Amino acid sequence: MITRTECLRAQRRAAEMIRQAGVRITSQEAAAIEVVDFGLSHLAEEGVQVLTLFATDRVSAKILVTFPGQTEPEHWHPPVGADPGKEETIRVISGALHVYVPGADTFRRGWIPRGKDAFYTCRHELILPPCGQWTFPPGTPHWFQAPEPGAVFYSISTCVRDALDGFADPGVVRLTRIVEDGEEPMGSHLNI
């Protein structure tokens, strides 16, 4: 849960990072950036900002922004009916993105959010620079993290069903709850 002011601040910051990365977006698109705290109420540590460019029944394109020090929790895109699940390719536009997938433990440069070791099991570390890209087959656990100065990256995928994503942390709630200013979200300590 985050406050309305925190949400607006994160939207503005994400829009500025997208524009600084050389991607032109409209003011309407900037206002439509989804600020996702995963119900964890500490967006600065675990969260992501998402601008959906389009999403059809078959394909989707998004721009994701991770602020410096921000981690998108470990998750996967499960099968739905006869569909094997979302296949996703990410491509870094600016900054560097730490990506973690199953494989040999090469975890060196990243960090696990405090008290969350059990929920970040993928320890094969990939450091993607601008123009670096990676494809996640359906059902593959993965998580992202951005050191300074943060990262802006594309996510291009098959059909999106974000509400059905699986998360290693049972405390994750996919939809962010925004409270009006003056209502203190419990556990929130944002430095956006």
C-alpha atoms as a PDB file:
ATOM      1  CA  MET A   1       0.000   0.000   0.000  1.00  0.00           C
ATOM      2  CA  ILE A   2       1.272   3.458  -0.914  1.00  0.00           C
ATOM      3  CA  THR A   3      -0.100   6.983  -0.612  1.00  0.00           C
ATOM      4  CA  ARG A   4      -1.493   8.912  -3.547  1.00  0.00           C
ATOM      5  CA  THR A   5       1.452  11.345  -3.327  1.00  0.00           C
ATOM      6  CA  GLU A   6       3.971   8.476  -3.362  1.00  0.00           C
ATOM      7  CA  CYS A   7       2.239   6.999  -6.397  1.00  0.00           C
ATOM      8  CA  LEU A   8       2.282  10.297  -8.288  1.00  0.00           C
ATOM      9  CA  ARG A   9       5.931  10.899  -7.355  1.00  0.00           C
ATOM     10  CA  ALA A  10       6.893   7.433  -8.618  1.00  0.00           C
ATOM     11  CA  GLN A  11       4.931   7.959 -11.857  1.00  0.00           C
ATOM     12  CA  ARG A  12       6.697  11.280 -12.492  1.00  0.00           C
ATOM     13  CA  ARG A  13      10.113   9.806 -11.715  1.00  0.00           C
ATOM     14  CA  ALA A  14       9.506   6.786 -13.969  1.00  0.00           C
ATOM     15  CA  ALA A  15       8.271   9.015 -16.815  1.00  0.00           C
ATOM     16  CA  GLU A  16      11.373  11.182 -16.496  1.00  0.00           C
ATOM     17  CA  MET A  17      13.648   8.118 -16.577  1.00  0.00           C
ATOM     18  CA  ILE A  18      11.849   6.816 -19.682  1.00  0.00           C
ATOM     19  CA  ARG A  19      12.236  10.167 -21.419  1.00  0.00           C
ATOM     20  CA  GLN A  20      15.897  10.471 -20.374  1.00  0.00           C
ATOM     21  CA  ALA A  21      16.421   7.027 -21.917  1.00  0.00           C
ATOM     22  CA  GLY A  22      15.345   8.547 -25.241  1.00  0.00           C
ATOM     23  CA  VAL A  23      11.851   7.059 -25.428  1.00  0.00           C
ATOM     24  CA  ARG A  24       9.141   9.583 -26.234  1.00  0.00           C
ATOM     25  CA  ILE A  25       5.887   9.151 -24.308  1.00  0.00           C
ATOM     26  CA  THR A  26       2.797  11.316 -24.083  1.00  0.00           C
ATOM     27  CA  SER A  27       1.562  12.997 -20.918  1.00  0.00           C
ATOM     28  CA  GLN A  28      -1.385  10.557 -20.966  1.00  0.00           C
ATOM     29  CA  GLU A  29       1.025   7.616 -21.055  1.00  0.00           C
ATOM     30  CA  ALA A  30       3.065   9.121 -18.215  1.00  0.00           C
ATOM     31  CA  ALA A  31      -0.105   9.396 -16.114  1.00  0.00           C
ATOM     32  CA  ALA A  32      -0.949   5.757 -16.920  1.00  0.00           C
ATOM     33  CA  ILE A  33       2.294   4.335 -15.506  1.00  0.00           C
ATOM     34  CA  GLU A  34       1.337   1.630 -13.023  1.00  0.00           C
ATOM     35  CA  VAL A  35       3.239   1.841  -9.746  1.00  0.00           C
ATOM     36  CA  VAL A  36       3.463  -1.679  -8.328  1.00  0.00           C
ATOM     37  CA  ASP A  37       4.452  -2.281  -4.704  1.00  0.00           C
ATOM     38  CA  PHE A  38       3.228  -5.906  -4.715  1.00  0.00           C
ATOM     39  CA  GLY A  39       1.266  -5.215  -1.521  1.00  0.00           C
ATOM     40  CA  LEU A  40       4.544  -5.117   0.416  1.00  0.00           C
ATOM     41  CA  SER A  41       4.383  -1.395   1.267  1.00  0.00           C
ATOM     42  CA  HIS A  42       8.058  -0.670   0.642  1.00  0.00           C
ATOM     43  CA  LEU A  43       8.193   0.387  -2.983  1.00  0.00           C
ATOM     44  CA  ALA A  44      11.758   1.703  -2.752  1.00  0.00           C
ATOM     45  CA  GLU A  45      12.986  -1.843  -1.997  1.00  0.00           C
ATOM     46  CA  GLU A  46      10.504  -4.131  -3.774  1.00  0.00           C
ATOM     47  CA  GLY A  47       8.500  -2.758  -6.657  1.00  0.00           C
ATOM     48  CA  VAL A  48       8.447  -1.776 -10.312  1.00  0.00           C
ATOM     49  CA  GLN A  49       6.854   0.882 -12.513  1.00  0.00           C
ATOM     50  CA  VAL A  50       5.066  -0.341 -15.649  1.00  0.00           C
ATOM     51  CA  LEU A  51       3.907   1.513 -18.749  1.00  0.00           C
ATOM     52  CA  THR A  52       1.809  -0.800 -20.928  1.00  0.00           C
ATOM     53  CA  LEU A  53       2.202   0.315 -24.525  1.00  0.00           C
ATOM     54  CA  PHE A  54      -0.307  -2.260 -25.769  1.00  0.00           C
ATOM     55  CA  ALA A  55      -1.740  -5.611 -24.743  1.00  0.00           C
ATOM     56  CA  THR A  56      -3.828  -7.750 -27.071  1.00  0.00           C
ATOM     57  CA  ASP A  57      -5.092 -11.301 -26.687  1.00  0.00           C
ATOM     58  CA  ARG A  58      -1.826 -12.525 -28.231  1.00  0.00           C
ATOM     59  CA  VAL A  59       1.015 -10.047 -27.581  1.00  0.00           C
ATOM     60  CA  SER A  60       2.042  -7.258 -25.224  1.00  0.00           C
ATOM     61  CA  ALA A  61       4.697  -4.547 -25.059  1.00  0.00           C
ATOM     62  CA  LYS A  62       5.582  -2.642 -21.903  1.00  0.00           C
ATOM     63  CA  ILE A  63       8.283  -0.337 -20.628  1.00  0.00           C
ATOM     64  CA  LEU A  64       9.408  -1.200 -17.108  1.00  0.00           C
ATOM     65  CA  VAL A  65      11.360   1.061 -14.784  1.00  0.00           C
ATOM     66  CA  THR A  66      13.264  -0.084 -11.727  1.00  0.00           C
ATOM     67  CA  PHE A  67      14.595   2.690  -9.536  1.00  0.00           C
ATOM     68  CA  PRO A  68      18.104   2.393  -8.058  1.00  0.00           C
ATOM     69  CA  GLY A  69      18.009  -0.227  -5.293  1.00  0.00           C
ATOM     70  CA  GLN A  70      14.567  -1.489  -6.312  1.00  0.00           C
ATOM     71  CA  THR A  71      13.883  -5.203  -6.796  1.00  0.00           C
ATOM     72  CA  GLU A  72      10.983  -6.829  -8.625  1.00  0.00           C
ATOM     73  CA  PRO A  73      10.164  -9.955  -6.561  1.00  0.00           C
ATOM     74  CA  GLU A  74      10.825 -13.462  -7.839  1.00  0.00           C
ATOM     75  CA  HIS A  75       7.914 -14.610  -9.973  1.00  0.00           C
ATOM     76  CA  TRP A  76       6.948 -16.816 -12.908  1.00  0.00           C
ATOM     77  CA  HIS A  77       4.256 -16.922 -15.570  1.00  0.00           C
ATOM     78  CA  PRO A  78       2.312 -20.178 -15.120  1.00  0.00           C
ATOM     79  CA  PRO A  79       0.320 -22.147 -17.691  1.00  0.00           C
ATOM     80  CA  VAL A  80      -3.312 -21.187 -18.151  1.00  0.00           C
ATOM     81  CA  GLY A  81      -5.478 -23.913 -19.617  1.00  0.00           C
ATOM     82  CA  ALA A  82      -3.839 -25.175 -22.811  1.00  0.00           C
ATOM     83  CA  ASP A  83      -1.536 -22.122 -22.965  1.00  0.00           C
ATOM     84  CA  PRO A  84       1.962 -22.898 -21.587  1.00  0.00           C
ATOM     85  CA  GLY A  85       2.168 -19.417 -19.987  1.00  0.00           C
ATOM     86  CA  LYS A  86       3.642 -16.093 -20.956  1.00  0.00           C
ATOM     87  CA  GLU A  87       6.961 -16.065 -22.808  1.00  0.00           C
ATOM     88  CA  GLU A  88       8.755 -12.785 -22.136  1.00  0.00           C
ATOM     89  CA  THR A  89      11.747 -11.040 -23.652  1.00  0.00           C
ATOM     90  CA  ILE A  90      13.276  -8.076 -21.878  1.00  0.00           C
ATOM     91  CA  ARG A  91      15.654  -5.591 -23.524  1.00  0.00           C
ATOM     92  CA  VAL A  92      17.477  -2.900 -21.576  1.00  0.00           C
ATOM     93  CA  ILE A  93      17.130   0.655 -22.871  1.00  0.00           C
ATOM     94  CA  SER A  94      19.214   2.454 -20.242  1.00  0.00           C
ATOM     95  CA  GLY A  95      21.033   1.693 -17.015  1.00  0.00           C
ATOM     96  CA  ALA A  96      22.028  -1.803 -15.996  1.00  0.00           C
ATOM     97  CA  LEU A  97      19.639  -4.539 -14.984  1.00  0.00           C
ATOM     98  CA  HIS A  98      20.541  -7.447 -12.736  1.00  0.00           C
ATOM     99  CA  VAL A  99      18.483 -10.462 -13.809  1.00  0.00           C
ATOM    100  CA  TYR A 100      18.259 -13.671 -11.781  1.00  0.00           C
ATOM    101  CA  VAL A 101      17.213 -17.018 -13.221  1.00  0.00           C
ATOM    102  CA  PRO A 102      17.609 -20.705 -12.301  1.00  0.00           C
ATOM    103  CA  GLY A 103      21.108 -22.094 -12.815  1.00  0.00           C
ATOM    104  CA  ALA A 104      24.537 -22.168 -11.222  1.00  0.00           C
ATOM    105  CA  ASP A 105      24.893 -19.797  -8.262  1.00  0.00           C
ATOM    106  CA  THR A 106      26.827 -16.823  -9.666  1.00  0.00           C
ATOM    107  CA  PHE A 107      25.237 -14.302  -7.295  1.00  0.00           C
ATOM    108  CA  ARG A 108      27.906 -11.610  -6.719  1.00  0.00           C
ATOM    109  CA  ARG A 109      26.723  -8.078  -7.426  1.00  0.00           C
ATOM    110  CA  GLY A 110      23.117  -8.132  -6.304  1.00  0.00           C
ATOM    111  CA  TRP A 111      21.475  -8.108  -2.909  1.00  0.00           C
ATOM    112  CA  ILE A 112      18.480  -9.804  -1.344  1.00  0.00           C
ATOM    113  CA  PRO A 113      15.947  -7.533   0.387  1.00  0.00           C
ATOM    114  CA  ARG A 114      16.323  -7.828   4.158  1.00  0.00           C
ATOM    115  CA  GLY A 115      14.640 -10.911   5.614  1.00  0.00           C
ATOM    116  CA  LYS A 116      13.662 -12.257   2.190  1.00  0.00           C
ATOM    117  CA  ASP A 117      16.328 -14.938   1.500  1.00  0.00           C
ATOM    118  CA  ALA A 118      13.714 -17.701   1.242  1.00  0.00           C
ATOM    119  CA  PHE A 119      11.792 -15.796  -1.448  1.00  0.00           C
ATOM    120  CA  TYR A 120      14.705 -15.133  -3.822  1.00  0.00           C
ATOM    121  CA  THR A 121      15.811 -18.617  -4.825  1.00  0.00           C
ATOM    122  CA  CYS A 122      17.161 -17.871  -8.324  1.00  0.00           C
ATOM    123  CA  ARG A 123      20.826 -17.021  -7.876  1.00  0.00           C
ATOM    124  CA  HIS A 124      22.182 -17.257 -11.438  1.00  0.00           C
ATOM    125  CA  GLU A 125      23.132 -13.634 -12.055  1.00  0.00           C
ATOM    126  CA  LEU A 126      23.027 -11.922 -15.436  1.00  0.00           C
ATOM    127  CA  ILE A 127      24.062  -8.278 -15.767  1.00  0.00           C
ATOM    128  CA  LEU A 128      22.331  -6.745 -18.775  1.00  0.00           C
ATOM    129  CA  PRO A 129      23.738  -3.442 -20.101  1.00  0.00           C
ATOM    130  CA  PRO A 130      21.892  -1.198 -22.563  1.00  0.00           C
ATOM    131  CA  CYS A 131      20.811  -3.342 -25.556  1.00  0.00           C
ATOM    132  CA  GLY A 132      21.268  -6.500 -23.478  1.00  0.00           C
ATOM    133  CA  GLN A 133      18.305  -8.820 -23.663  1.00  0.00           C
ATOM    134  CA  TRP A 134      17.043 -12.106 -22.270  1.00  0.00           C
ATOM    135  CA  THR A 135      14.070 -14.369 -22.976  1.00  0.00           C
ATOM    136  CA  PHE A 136      12.209 -16.193 -20.205  1.00  0.00           C
ATOM    137  CA  PRO A 137      10.419 -19.356 -21.347  1.00  0.00           C
ATOM    138  CA  PRO A 138       6.954 -19.873 -19.832  1.00  0.00           C
ATOM    139  CA  GLY A 139       7.000 -20.899 -16.175  1.00  0.00           C
ATOM    140  CA  THR A 140      10.635 -19.833 -15.565  1.00  0.00           C
ATOM    141  CA  PRO A 141      11.182 -18.191 -12.160  1.00  0.00           C
ATOM    142  CA  HIS A 142      13.026 -14.871 -12.384  1.00  0.00           C
ATOM    143  CA  TRP A 143      13.545 -11.549 -10.656  1.00  0.00           C
ATOM    144  CA  PHE A 144      15.071  -8.168 -11.520  1.00  0.00           C
ATOM    145  CA  GLN A 145      17.078  -5.574  -9.676  1.00  0.00           C
ATOM    146  CA  ALA A 146      18.596  -2.208 -10.551  1.00  0.00           C
ATOM    147  CA  PRO A 147      21.756  -0.684  -9.109  1.00  0.00           C
ATOM    148  CA  GLU A 148      22.528   3.027  -9.643  1.00  0.00           C
ATOM    149  CA  PRO A 149      21.273   4.753 -11.794  1.00  0.00           C
ATOM    150  CA  GLY A 150      18.228   2.471 -12.141  1.00  0.00           C
ATOM    151  CA  ALA A 151      17.061   0.750 -15.316  1.00  0.00           C
ATOM    152  CA  VAL A 152      14.549   1.275 -18.088  1.00  0.00           C
ATOM    153  CA  PHE A 153      13.732  -1.777 -20.184  1.00  0.00           C
ATOM    154  CA  TYR A 154      11.228  -3.203 -22.628  1.00  0.00           C
ATOM    155  CA  SER A 155       9.144  -6.267 -21.851  1.00  0.00           C
ATOM    156  CA  ILE A 156       7.727  -7.882 -24.972  1.00  0.00           C
ATOM    157  CA  SER A 157       5.667 -10.979 -24.413  1.00  0.00           C
ATOM    158  CA  THR A 158       2.890 -13.244 -25.410  1.00  0.00           C
ATOM    159  CA  CYS A 159      -0.513 -12.762 -23.765  1.00  0.00           C
ATOM    160  CA  VAL A 160      -0.271 -11.084 -20.339  1.00  0.00           C
ATOM    161  CA  ARG A 161      -2.147 -12.411 -17.329  1.00  0.00           C
ATOM    162  CA  ASP A 162      -0.296 -10.551 -14.544  1.00  0.00           C
ATOM    163  CA  ALA A 163      -2.961 -11.327 -11.952  1.00  0.00           C
ATOM    164  CA  LEU A 164      -2.173 -15.040 -12.375  1.00  0.00           C
ATOM    165  CA  ASP A 165       1.614 -14.756 -11.969  1.00  0.00           C
ATOM    166  CA  GLY A 166       3.118 -16.928  -9.261  1.00  0.00           C
ATOM    167  CA  PHE A 167       5.347 -15.359  -6.599  1.00  0.00           C
ATOM    168  CA  ALA A 168       7.850 -16.984  -4.252  1.00  0.00           C
ATOM    169  CA  ASP A 169       6.838 -14.548  -1.477  1.00  0.00           C
ATOM    170  CA  PRO A 170       3.363 -15.503  -0.224  1.00  0.00           C
ATOM    171  CA  GLY A 171       2.892 -11.923   1.000  1.00  0.00           C
ATOM    172  CA  VAL A 172       2.804 -10.540  -2.548  1.00  0.00           C
ATOM    173  CA  VAL A 173      -0.451  -9.038  -3.792  1.00  0.00           C
ATOM    174  CA  ARG A 174      -0.317  -8.091  -7.471  1.00  0.00           C
ATOM    175  CA  LEU A 175      -2.578  -5.032  -7.285  1.00  0.00           C
ATOM    176  CA  THR A 176      -1.244  -1.976  -5.496  1.00  0.00           C
ATOM    177  CA  ARG A 177      -3.550  -0.390  -2.936  1.00  0.00           C
ATOM    178  CA  ILE A 178      -3.329   3.390  -2.979  1.00  0.00           C
ATOM    179  CA  VAL A 179      -4.481   5.282   0.116  1.00  0.00           C
ATOM    180  CA  GLU A 180      -5.218   8.957   0.315  1.00  0.00           C
ATOM    181  CA  ASP A 181      -2.613  11.214   1.889  1.00  0.00           C
ATOM    182  CA  GLY A 182      -2.918  11.358   5.648  1.00  0.00           C
ATOM    183  CA  GLU A 183      -3.674   7.644   5.894  1.00  0.00           C
ATOM    184  CA  GLU A 184      -0.267   6.222   6.846  1.00  0.00           C
ATOM    185  CA  PRO A 185       0.386   2.957   4.996  1.00  0.00           C
ATOM    186  CA  MET A 186       1.800   0.513   7.503  1.00  0.00           C
ATOM    187  CA  GLY A 187       5.456  -0.289   6.926  1.00  0.00           C
ATOM    188  CA  SER A 188       5.964   2.327   4.218  1.00  0.00           C
ATOM    189  CA  HIS A 189       9.320   4.065   4.160  1.00  0.00           C
ATOM    190  CA  LEU A 190       9.644   5.357   0.611  1.00  0.00           C
ATOM    191  CA  ASN A 191      12.597   7.397  -0.547  1.00  0.00           C
ATOM    192  CA  ILE A 192      11.488   8.111  -4.069  1.00  0.00           C
END
